[in-house]
């Protein structure tokens, strides 16, 4: 608990040229097919299936917790333990959830270059956010788990935690070749976000575990499919500018993403 697609001469000439073009076209097609095959092989090799163990385990823990009386008891125990320290609620988690992925842009702004340029990393982030957000919202609407404080029935899984761990994995992937400590720091912040969700009685431990797993897995998937997305959607778009910022409208927190191609 503390506990990731001439007439005769001319005619003969045309036929000869067309024959050559057809031959060249077939060669080009074969080369393209080989390239696609090579790219597919490279993509498969880049997928490290062992890295799926942790996020899958986290998601599995939460899913099992929907029906397991033992894990429900652990949820209750975790809730009571955290609330036993202080009765005040701290809304740090409303902001800390965005810290890990915003740190990537902050570090680049300070001249510390990461793995990708602005365009590529933003495509990855947007992809991860869509995967994560879609997954979280679908589960929230279908599981109908009541929050610890009884305020609503969309407790499972934790969106704040999913956002934080999505960002932590994003930070790790972008800066792991610079220093692994960037990623570690991001994960510490993400873990803290999850703990604060429990402390503020907004989520159960199982909600937080599943949110963390979804966040990590969403980012990993985003990096794996990035080459495909870049070739099919953004292949002719060389210049990309934009800004990524969180927003608050007085009632809700969210992510604002503005891109210009």
C-alpha atoms as a PDB file:
ATOM      1  CA  UNK A   1       0.000   0.000   0.000  1.00  0.00           C
ATOM      2  CA  UNK A   2       2.741   2.340   0.886  1.00  0.00           C
ATOM      3  CA  UNK A   3       2.337   0.447   1.240  1.00  0.00           C
ATOM      4  CA  UNK A   4       3.568   2.337 -21.590  1.00  0.00           C
ATOM      5  CA  UNK A   5       0.821   2.548 -49.904  1.00  0.00           C
ATOM      6  CA  UNK A   6       8.215   6.679 -88.148  1.00  0.00           C
ATOM      7  CA  UNK A   7       4.794   5.501 -86.669  1.00  0.00           C
ATOM      8  CA  UNK A   8       6.109   1.971 -86.366  1.00  0.00           C
ATOM      9  CA  UNK A   9       9.366   3.292 -84.995  1.00  0.00           C
ATOM     10  CA  UNK A  10       7.508   5.522 -82.579  1.00  0.00           C
ATOM     11  CA  UNK A  11       5.147   2.719 -81.706  1.00  0.00           C
ATOM     12  CA  UNK A  12       8.028   0.380 -81.029  1.00  0.00           C
ATOM     13  CA  UNK A  13       9.730   3.106 -79.049  1.00  0.00           C
ATOM     14  CA  UNK A  14       6.625   3.707 -76.984  1.00  0.00           C
ATOM     15  CA  UNK A  15       6.177   0.006 -76.401  1.00  0.00           C
ATOM     16  CA  UNK A  16       9.794  -0.308 -75.385  1.00  0.00           C
ATOM     17  CA  UNK A  17       9.595   2.629 -73.007  1.00  0.00           C
ATOM     18  CA  UNK A  18       6.299   1.446 -71.574  1.00  0.00           C
ATOM     19  CA  UNK A  19       7.785  -1.987 -71.089  1.00  0.00           C
ATOM     20  CA  UNK A  20      10.709  -0.484 -69.243  1.00  0.00           C
ATOM     21  CA  UNK A  21       8.418   1.675 -67.122  1.00  0.00           C
ATOM     22  CA  UNK A  22       6.281  -1.301 -66.276  1.00  0.00           C
ATOM     23  CA  UNK A  23       9.374  -3.185 -65.310  1.00  0.00           C
ATOM     24  CA  UNK A  24      10.620  -0.266 -63.222  1.00  0.00           C
ATOM     25  CA  UNK A  25       7.195   0.135 -61.639  1.00  0.00           C
ATOM     26  CA  UNK A  26       7.182  -3.493 -60.628  1.00  0.00           C
ATOM     27  CA  UNK A  27      10.660  -3.067 -59.189  1.00  0.00           C
ATOM     28  CA  UNK A  28       9.543   0.012 -57.276  1.00  0.00           C
ATOM     29  CA  UNK A  29       6.531  -1.826 -55.953  1.00  0.00           C
ATOM     30  CA  UNK A  30       8.709  -4.702 -54.815  1.00  0.00           C
ATOM     31  CA  UNK A  31      11.135  -2.296 -53.168  1.00  0.00           C
ATOM     32  CA  UNK A  32       8.268  -0.539 -51.418  1.00  0.00           C
ATOM     33  CA  UNK A  33       6.855  -3.842 -50.281  1.00  0.00           C
ATOM     34  CA  UNK A  34      10.262  -4.827 -48.954  1.00  0.00           C
ATOM     35  CA  UNK A  35      10.564  -1.497 -47.166  1.00  0.00           C
ATOM     36  CA  UNK A  36       7.150  -1.940 -45.589  1.00  0.00           C
ATOM     37  CA  UNK A  37       8.136  -5.438 -44.554  1.00  0.00           C
ATOM     38  CA  UNK A  38      11.412  -4.169 -43.089  1.00  0.00           C
ATOM     39  CA  UNK A  39       9.637  -1.328 -41.286  1.00  0.00           C
ATOM     40  CA  UNK A  40       7.082  -3.734 -39.871  1.00  0.00           C
ATOM     41  CA  UNK A  41       9.833  -6.024 -38.677  1.00  0.00           C
ATOM     42  CA  UNK A  42      11.655  -3.111 -37.058  1.00  0.00           C
ATOM     43  CA  UNK A  43       8.473  -1.973 -35.341  1.00  0.00           C
ATOM     44  CA  UNK A  44       7.888  -5.460 -33.969  1.00  0.00           C
ATOM     45  CA  UNK A  45      11.467  -5.591 -32.714  1.00  0.00           C
ATOM     46  CA  UNK A  46      11.005  -2.213 -31.031  1.00  0.00           C
ATOM     47  CA  UNK A  47       8.104  -3.528 -29.026  1.00  0.00           C
ATOM     48  CA  UNK A  48       9.458  -4.825 -25.759  1.00  0.00           C
ATOM     49  CA  UNK A  49       6.715  -7.055 -24.500  1.00  0.00           C
ATOM     50  CA  UNK A  50       8.305  -7.365 -21.090  1.00  0.00           C
ATOM     51  CA  UNK A  51       7.550  -3.681 -20.568  1.00  0.00           C
ATOM     52  CA  UNK A  52       3.854  -4.575 -20.626  1.00  0.00           C
ATOM     53  CA  UNK A  53       4.078  -6.617 -17.455  1.00  0.00           C
ATOM     54  CA  UNK A  54       3.810  -3.788 -14.948  1.00  0.00           C
ATOM     55  CA  UNK A  55       0.970  -1.766 -16.574  1.00  0.00           C
ATOM     56  CA  UNK A  56      -0.944  -4.958 -17.319  1.00  0.00           C
ATOM     57  CA  UNK A  57      -0.556  -6.109 -13.722  1.00  0.00           C
ATOM     58  CA  UNK A  58      -1.769  -2.748 -12.424  1.00  0.00           C
ATOM     59  CA  UNK A  59      -4.820  -2.785 -14.683  1.00  0.00           C
ATOM     60  CA  UNK A  60      -5.504  -6.406 -13.789  1.00  0.00           C
ATOM     61  CA  UNK A  61      -5.330  -5.622 -10.083  1.00  0.00           C
ATOM     62  CA  UNK A  62      -7.925  -2.912 -10.448  1.00  0.00           C
ATOM     63  CA  UNK A  63     -10.256  -4.990 -12.609  1.00  0.00           C
ATOM     64  CA  UNK A  64     -10.126  -7.890 -10.173  1.00  0.00           C
ATOM     65  CA  UNK A  65     -10.819  -5.416  -7.416  1.00  0.00           C
ATOM     66  CA  UNK A  66     -14.220  -4.644  -8.900  1.00  0.00           C
ATOM     67  CA  UNK A  67     -15.513  -7.951  -7.601  1.00  0.00           C
ATOM     68  CA  UNK A  68     -12.959  -9.190  -5.091  1.00  0.00           C
ATOM     69  CA  UNK A  69     -14.095  -8.742  -1.519  1.00  0.00           C
ATOM     70  CA  UNK A  70     -10.500  -8.998  -0.321  1.00  0.00           C
ATOM     71  CA  UNK A  71      -9.323  -6.118  -2.517  1.00  0.00           C
ATOM     72  CA  UNK A  72     -12.375  -4.114  -1.536  1.00  0.00           C
ATOM     73  CA  UNK A  73     -11.377  -4.541   2.081  1.00  0.00           C
ATOM     74  CA  UNK A  74      -7.882  -3.318   1.204  1.00  0.00           C
ATOM     75  CA  UNK A  75      -9.499  -0.287  -0.482  1.00  0.00           C
ATOM     76  CA  UNK A  76     -11.367   0.530   2.677  1.00  0.00           C
ATOM     77  CA  UNK A  77      -8.306   0.039   4.814  1.00  0.00           C
ATOM     78  CA  UNK A  78      -6.215   2.324   2.564  1.00  0.00           C
ATOM     79  CA  UNK A  79      -8.921   4.977   2.715  1.00  0.00           C
ATOM     80  CA  UNK A  80      -9.063   4.880   6.484  1.00  0.00           C
ATOM     81  CA  UNK A  81      -5.277   4.906   6.855  1.00  0.00           C
ATOM     82  CA  UNK A  82      -4.839   7.997   4.675  1.00  0.00           C
ATOM     83  CA  UNK A  83      -7.714   9.916   6.201  1.00  0.00           C
ATOM     84  CA  UNK A  84      -6.409   9.096   9.633  1.00  0.00           C
ATOM     85  CA  UNK A  85      -3.548  11.565   9.257  1.00  0.00           C
ATOM     86  CA  UNK A  86      -5.497  14.754   8.569  1.00  0.00           C
ATOM     87  CA  UNK A  87      -9.077  15.769   7.882  1.00  0.00           C
ATOM     88  CA  UNK A  88      -8.122  18.566   5.468  1.00  0.00           C
ATOM     89  CA  UNK A  89      -8.284  17.985   1.688  1.00  0.00           C
ATOM     90  CA  UNK A  90      -5.332  19.042  -0.461  1.00  0.00           C
ATOM     91  CA  UNK A  91      -5.973  19.708  -4.184  1.00  0.00           C
ATOM     92  CA  UNK A  92      -2.348  19.336  -5.241  1.00  0.00           C
ATOM     93  CA  UNK A  93      -3.364  16.420  -7.447  1.00  0.00           C
ATOM     94  CA  UNK A  94      -5.438  18.746  -9.683  1.00  0.00           C
ATOM     95  CA  UNK A  95      -2.162  20.328 -10.799  1.00  0.00           C
ATOM     96  CA  UNK A  96       0.456  17.629 -10.243  1.00  0.00           C
ATOM     97  CA  UNK A  97      -1.254  15.358 -12.780  1.00  0.00           C
ATOM     98  CA  UNK A  98       0.022  17.634 -15.587  1.00  0.00           C
ATOM     99  CA  UNK A  99       3.517  18.217 -14.213  1.00  0.00           C
ATOM    100  CA  UNK A 100       5.319  15.217 -15.768  1.00  0.00           C
ATOM    101  CA  UNK A 101       4.403  15.862 -19.419  1.00  0.00           C
ATOM    102  CA  UNK A 102       4.650  19.652 -19.102  1.00  0.00           C
ATOM    103  CA  UNK A 103       8.174  19.099 -17.808  1.00  0.00           C
ATOM    104  CA  UNK A 104       9.156  17.723 -21.241  1.00  0.00           C
ATOM    105  CA  UNK A 105       8.279  21.051 -22.876  1.00  0.00           C
ATOM    106  CA  UNK A 106       9.850  23.021 -20.055  1.00  0.00           C
ATOM    107  CA  UNK A 107      13.130  21.104 -20.323  1.00  0.00           C
ATOM    108  CA  UNK A 108      13.229  21.630 -24.122  1.00  0.00           C
ATOM    109  CA  UNK A 109      12.541  25.339 -23.602  1.00  0.00           C
ATOM    110  CA  UNK A 110      15.567  25.442 -21.317  1.00  0.00           C
ATOM    111  CA  UNK A 111      17.754  23.881 -24.017  1.00  0.00           C
ATOM    112  CA  UNK A 112      17.815  20.343 -22.669  1.00  0.00           C
ATOM    113  CA  UNK A 113      16.924  18.362 -25.794  1.00  0.00           C
ATOM    114  CA  UNK A 114      15.041  15.118 -25.492  1.00  0.00           C
ATOM    115  CA  UNK A 115      14.427  12.237 -27.878  1.00  0.00           C
ATOM    116  CA  UNK A 116      12.041  13.988 -30.319  1.00  0.00           C
ATOM    117  CA  UNK A 117      11.466  17.446 -31.800  1.00  0.00           C
ATOM    118  CA  UNK A 118       8.368  19.488 -30.944  1.00  0.00           C
ATOM    119  CA  UNK A 119       6.262  17.989 -33.761  1.00  0.00           C
ATOM    120  CA  UNK A 120       7.025  14.360 -33.015  1.00  0.00           C
ATOM    121  CA  UNK A 121       6.733  14.560 -29.272  1.00  0.00           C
ATOM    122  CA  UNK A 122       3.463  16.470 -29.544  1.00  0.00           C
ATOM    123  CA  UNK A 123       2.028  13.828 -31.884  1.00  0.00           C
ATOM    124  CA  UNK A 124       3.049  11.171 -29.386  1.00  0.00           C
ATOM    125  CA  UNK A 125       1.546  13.079 -26.475  1.00  0.00           C
ATOM    126  CA  UNK A 126      -1.736  13.733 -28.322  1.00  0.00           C
ATOM    127  CA  UNK A 127      -1.973  10.058 -29.301  1.00  0.00           C
ATOM    128  CA  UNK A 128      -1.312   8.908 -25.768  1.00  0.00           C
ATOM    129  CA  UNK A 129      -3.839  11.383 -24.369  1.00  0.00           C
ATOM    130  CA  UNK A 130      -6.540  10.188 -26.788  1.00  0.00           C
ATOM    131  CA  UNK A 131      -5.893   6.534 -25.924  1.00  0.00           C
ATOM    132  CA  UNK A 132      -5.775   7.210 -22.226  1.00  0.00           C
ATOM    133  CA  UNK A 133      -8.761   9.562 -22.150  1.00  0.00           C
ATOM    134  CA  UNK A 134     -10.915   7.264 -24.246  1.00  0.00           C
ATOM    135  CA  UNK A 135     -10.100   4.249 -22.111  1.00  0.00           C
ATOM    136  CA  UNK A 136     -10.721   6.035 -18.836  1.00  0.00           C
ATOM    137  CA  UNK A 137     -14.030   7.578 -19.910  1.00  0.00           C
ATOM    138  CA  UNK A 138     -15.389   4.301 -21.283  1.00  0.00           C
ATOM    139  CA  UNK A 139     -14.568   2.506 -18.047  1.00  0.00           C
ATOM    140  CA  UNK A 140     -15.998   5.269 -15.899  1.00  0.00           C
ATOM    141  CA  UNK A 141     -19.329   5.103 -17.741  1.00  0.00           C
ATOM    142  CA  UNK A 142     -19.568   1.319 -17.688  1.00  0.00           C
ATOM    143  CA  UNK A 143     -18.349   0.333 -14.237  1.00  0.00           C
ATOM    144  CA  UNK A 144     -20.330   2.828 -12.137  1.00  0.00           C
ATOM    145  CA  UNK A 145     -18.137   2.586  -9.048  1.00  0.00           C
ATOM    146  CA  UNK A 146     -19.051   4.972  -6.254  1.00  0.00           C
ATOM    147  CA  UNK A 147     -16.307   7.318  -5.068  1.00  0.00           C
ATOM    148  CA  UNK A 148     -15.073   6.980  -1.489  1.00  0.00           C
ATOM    149  CA  UNK A 149     -16.734  10.277  -0.584  1.00  0.00           C
ATOM    150  CA  UNK A 150     -20.019   9.238  -2.254  1.00  0.00           C
ATOM    151  CA  UNK A 151     -20.007  12.288  -4.577  1.00  0.00           C
ATOM    152  CA  UNK A 152     -20.494  10.331  -7.854  1.00  0.00           C
ATOM    153  CA  UNK A 153     -20.398   6.881  -9.445  1.00  0.00           C
ATOM    154  CA  UNK A 154     -17.488   7.358 -11.872  1.00  0.00           C
ATOM    155  CA  UNK A 155     -14.670   6.476  -9.547  1.00  0.00           C
ATOM    156  CA  UNK A 156     -13.086   3.664 -11.608  1.00  0.00           C
ATOM    157  CA  UNK A 157     -10.450   4.310 -12.840  1.00  0.00           C
ATOM    158  CA  UNK A 158      -8.647   7.438 -11.688  1.00  0.00           C
ATOM    159  CA  UNK A 159      -8.294   9.951 -14.556  1.00  0.00           C
ATOM    160  CA  UNK A 160      -5.894  12.144 -12.584  1.00  0.00           C
ATOM    161  CA  UNK A 161      -3.606   9.185 -11.949  1.00  0.00           C
ATOM    162  CA  UNK A 162      -3.848   7.999 -15.573  1.00  0.00           C
ATOM    163  CA  UNK A 163      -2.856  11.485 -16.795  1.00  0.00           C
ATOM    164  CA  UNK A 164       0.038  11.667 -14.365  1.00  0.00           C
ATOM    165  CA  UNK A 165       1.475   8.244 -15.246  1.00  0.00           C
ATOM    166  CA  UNK A 166       0.936   8.879 -18.976  1.00  0.00           C
ATOM    167  CA  UNK A 167       3.073  11.992 -18.506  1.00  0.00           C
ATOM    168  CA  UNK A 168       5.640  10.198 -16.383  1.00  0.00           C
ATOM    169  CA  UNK A 169       6.194   7.527 -19.036  1.00  0.00           C
ATOM    170  CA  UNK A 170       6.315  10.313 -21.686  1.00  0.00           C
ATOM    171  CA  UNK A 171       8.988  12.126 -19.680  1.00  0.00           C
ATOM    172  CA  UNK A 172      10.935   8.907 -19.192  1.00  0.00           C
ATOM    173  CA  UNK A 173      10.843   7.969 -22.905  1.00  0.00           C
ATOM    174  CA  UNK A 174      11.960  11.443 -23.997  1.00  0.00           C
ATOM    175  CA  UNK A 175      14.806  11.808 -21.510  1.00  0.00           C
ATOM    176  CA  UNK A 176      15.939   8.327 -20.553  1.00  0.00           C
ATOM    177  CA  UNK A 177      19.022   8.699 -22.810  1.00  0.00           C
ATOM    178  CA  UNK A 178      19.879  12.009 -21.125  1.00  0.00           C
ATOM    179  CA  UNK A 179      19.324  10.957 -17.540  1.00  0.00           C
ATOM    180  CA  UNK A 180      17.109   8.303 -16.074  1.00  0.00           C
ATOM    181  CA  UNK A 181      16.453  10.594 -13.123  1.00  0.00           C
ATOM    182  CA  UNK A 182      14.065  12.730 -15.167  1.00  0.00           C
ATOM    183  CA  UNK A 183      11.839   9.713 -15.587  1.00  0.00           C
ATOM    184  CA  UNK A 184      12.176   8.688 -11.975  1.00  0.00           C
ATOM    185  CA  UNK A 185      11.158  12.166 -10.848  1.00  0.00           C
ATOM    186  CA  UNK A 186       8.133  12.034 -13.131  1.00  0.00           C
ATOM    187  CA  UNK A 187       7.078   8.718 -11.665  1.00  0.00           C
ATOM    188  CA  UNK A 188       7.468  10.005  -8.132  1.00  0.00           C
ATOM    189  CA  UNK A 189       5.149  12.918  -8.939  1.00  0.00           C
ATOM    190  CA  UNK A 190       2.694  10.540 -10.624  1.00  0.00           C
ATOM    191  CA  UNK A 191       2.684   8.240  -7.608  1.00  0.00           C
ATOM    192  CA  UNK A 192       2.127  11.219  -5.358  1.00  0.00           C
ATOM    193  CA  UNK A 193      -0.835  12.263  -7.493  1.00  0.00           C
ATOM    194  CA  UNK A 194      -2.371   8.844  -7.053  1.00  0.00           C
ATOM    195  CA  UNK A 195      -1.864   8.904  -3.299  1.00  0.00           C
ATOM    196  CA  UNK A 196      -3.479  12.329  -3.040  1.00  0.00           C
ATOM    197  CA  UNK A 197      -6.524  10.982  -4.909  1.00  0.00           C
ATOM    198  CA  UNK A 198      -6.875   8.404  -2.179  1.00  0.00           C
ATOM    199  CA  UNK A 199      -6.165  10.935   0.571  1.00  0.00           C
ATOM    200  CA  UNK A 200      -8.839  13.297  -0.775  1.00  0.00           C
ATOM    201  CA  UNK A 201     -11.315  10.417  -0.838  1.00  0.00           C
ATOM    202  CA  UNK A 202     -11.844  10.727  -4.607  1.00  0.00           C
ATOM    203  CA  UNK A 203     -10.570   7.268  -5.522  1.00  0.00           C
ATOM    204  CA  UNK A 204      -9.986   3.804  -4.172  1.00  0.00           C
ATOM    205  CA  UNK A 205      -6.608   2.103  -4.342  1.00  0.00           C
ATOM    206  CA  UNK A 206      -7.875  -0.104  -7.207  1.00  0.00           C
ATOM    207  CA  UNK A 207      -8.937   3.038  -9.155  1.00  0.00           C
ATOM    208  CA  UNK A 208      -5.463   4.473  -8.772  1.00  0.00           C
ATOM    209  CA  UNK A 209      -3.698   1.236  -9.738  1.00  0.00           C
ATOM    210  CA  UNK A 210      -5.756   0.857 -12.921  1.00  0.00           C
ATOM    211  CA  UNK A 211      -5.310   4.533 -13.791  1.00  0.00           C
ATOM    212  CA  UNK A 212      -1.548   4.160 -13.467  1.00  0.00           C
ATOM    213  CA  UNK A 213      -1.534   1.085 -15.693  1.00  0.00           C
ATOM    214  CA  UNK A 214      -3.674   2.759 -18.357  1.00  0.00           C
ATOM    215  CA  UNK A 215      -1.480   5.855 -18.328  1.00  0.00           C
ATOM    216  CA  UNK A 216       1.776   3.938 -18.784  1.00  0.00           C
ATOM    217  CA  UNK A 217       0.328   1.617 -21.424  1.00  0.00           C
ATOM    218  CA  UNK A 218      -1.216   4.511 -23.407  1.00  0.00           C
ATOM    219  CA  UNK A 219       2.156   6.214 -23.769  1.00  0.00           C
ATOM    220  CA  UNK A 220       3.933   3.010 -24.735  1.00  0.00           C
ATOM    221  CA  UNK A 221       1.328   2.344 -27.441  1.00  0.00           C
ATOM    222  CA  UNK A 222       1.634   5.942 -28.664  1.00  0.00           C
ATOM    223  CA  UNK A 223       5.382   5.540 -29.195  1.00  0.00           C
ATOM    224  CA  UNK A 224       4.945   2.172 -30.929  1.00  0.00           C
ATOM    225  CA  UNK A 225       2.378   3.481 -33.454  1.00  0.00           C
ATOM    226  CA  UNK A 226       4.019   6.898 -33.905  1.00  0.00           C
ATOM    227  CA  UNK A 227       5.941   5.909 -37.115  1.00  0.00           C
ATOM    228  CA  UNK A 228       2.669   4.789 -38.711  1.00  0.00           C
ATOM    229  CA  UNK A 229       0.770   7.916 -37.670  1.00  0.00           C
ATOM    230  CA  UNK A 230       3.587  10.172 -38.866  1.00  0.00           C
ATOM    231  CA  UNK A 231       3.697   8.477 -42.320  1.00  0.00           C
ATOM    232  CA  UNK A 232      -0.057   8.339 -42.898  1.00  0.00           C
ATOM    233  CA  UNK A 233      -1.355  11.548 -41.307  1.00  0.00           C
ATOM    234  CA  UNK A 234       1.527  13.983 -40.952  1.00  0.00           C
ATOM    235  CA  UNK A 235       3.778  12.890 -43.876  1.00  0.00           C
ATOM    236  CA  UNK A 236       3.404  16.161 -45.893  1.00  0.00           C
ATOM    237  CA  UNK A 237       3.353  18.470 -42.934  1.00  0.00           C
ATOM    238  CA  UNK A 238       6.888  19.554 -42.154  1.00  0.00           C
ATOM    239  CA  UNK A 239       6.325  22.612 -39.984  1.00  0.00           C
ATOM    240  CA  UNK A 240       4.406  22.286 -36.799  1.00  0.00           C
ATOM    241  CA  UNK A 241       4.021  24.799 -34.011  1.00  0.00           C
ATOM    242  CA  UNK A 242       1.763  24.824 -31.052  1.00  0.00           C
ATOM    243  CA  UNK A 243       1.336  24.923 -27.343  1.00  0.00           C
ATOM    244  CA  UNK A 244       0.226  22.506 -24.677  1.00  0.00           C
ATOM    245  CA  UNK A 245      -1.289  23.893 -21.504  1.00  0.00           C
ATOM    246  CA  UNK A 246      -3.666  22.751 -18.795  1.00  0.00           C
ATOM    247  CA  UNK A 247      -6.877  24.734 -18.222  1.00  0.00           C
ATOM    248  CA  UNK A 248      -9.362  25.365 -15.456  1.00  0.00           C
ATOM    249  CA  UNK A 249     -12.836  26.847 -16.070  1.00  0.00           C
ATOM    250  CA  UNK A 250     -13.830  27.268 -12.474  1.00  0.00           C
ATOM    251  CA  UNK A 251     -15.284  23.800 -12.165  1.00  0.00           C
ATOM    252  CA  UNK A 252     -13.229  21.423 -14.291  1.00  0.00           C
ATOM    253  CA  UNK A 253      -9.565  20.823 -15.027  1.00  0.00           C
ATOM    254  CA  UNK A 254      -8.318  19.660 -18.437  1.00  0.00           C
ATOM    255  CA  UNK A 255      -5.623  19.742 -21.132  1.00  0.00           C
ATOM    256  CA  UNK A 256      -5.538  22.412 -23.872  1.00  0.00           C
ATOM    257  CA  UNK A 257      -3.655  21.425 -27.026  1.00  0.00           C
ATOM    258  CA  UNK A 258      -3.249  23.926 -29.909  1.00  0.00           C
ATOM    259  CA  UNK A 259      -1.367  22.868 -33.091  1.00  0.00           C
ATOM    260  CA  UNK A 260      -0.658  24.738 -36.354  1.00  0.00           C
ATOM    261  CA  UNK A 261       0.513  22.735 -39.393  1.00  0.00           C
END
